[in-house]
Amino acid sequence: MQYENYNSEQALANTVPAAAAPSPKTGDKSRASLLLLTLTACLGLILLFLGCQLWRHHDVSGQCSLARSGTTYLDELGDRDFCWDQKANRAKYATFEACLKDMCNLPSEPYFGQCDAVPLAIAGGTLAVAYVLACFVLSYAGDPTMYVASTNLLAAAAFGCAVACFITSFYRWGLQQDDSGTRQDRSVIAWQLCTTTYAQSRGEYKAMTAFAMFVSLSTIGGMIAERYNTPEIAAKMQPRGAALVAEQENFM
C-alpha cells in the first residue's frame, strides 16, 4: 500500500466548509458613511451659524428690508431727484429695483441675491443637520421604505438649498457703506456702483458661499455612502470582496 504525505491542516480546510462572511447589521454604518455624515453635520452647523450671523435685523436682513420696501424708503435710498418727485412728494417708481434699472441704465431690474442666499444658507444648514440626525435616529430595519424616503428627501432638500445659496450669493447687489465709503455692518445699501458687489462683500459672506458648496458636496457623498450601506447592497458587495481576498491570498 502506498502512502502519501498528508497535511492535516489542508485536509481540515478541505473537509470543513468555509465560514460564511458575517451578514451586515442593519444598524451599523460603514466608515465612509460615518465620516461623510459627521462631516455633513459639522459643515451644516457652520453654514447655519454663518447664515444666522448675517441675517440680523441691522445687517443683511435690514438691508434687504430696505431694498424690497417698495416706495416706503424710496426718497432715502435712491437719487431723490430721479426716484422721487419732490414737487408732488411721491415716488416716481413702484419699487427700488425699477428705479435702479433706469438710474443705472440696466437692461433689467437688479436682483438682490443676498436677500435669498442668506435664508437659503439657514435652510440648507438646518436640513443638512436634520438629514444626518434622521440617518442615525430612524431605523432601516423597522421600515426600509420610510427610512430611504425620509433620508433621501431631507438630503435632496439640503442639497438644493445649499446649491441655490451658492449660486444666488454671487448676485449680491449694493454695498453696506455710508456716503464717505466707510463700511457699515448695518442695514444700509449703497447702489452707486450699479453692478454686483460680491468681490466687495465681507469675509463671513464669502465663507457662507464656500460652506454652501461644501455642504452640497458632502450631502451627495453621504447619500451615496448610505446607499451602499444598506444590507441589500452590502450583501451583493460581499461576494466581490471575498473573491478579491481569495485572489490576493492565492497570489501570495
Foldseek 3Di string as FASTA:
>chain_A
DDDDDDDPVVVVPVPDDDDDDDFDDQQDADPLLVVLLVLLLVLLVLLLVLLVVQCDCFAVVVQVCVQFVFFPCQCPADDVVQQADPVVGGGPDRGNQVSLCVVLVNPHGADALVNLLSVLSNVLSVLSNVLSVLQNPDTCVVPVVVSLVVNVVSLVSSLVSLVSSLVSLQSHAFAQADPVRHHDRTRGGDHVVSGHDSVVDDPSSVVSNVSSVVSNVSSVSSSVSVVCGGSVNVVVCVVVVVVVVVVVVVVD
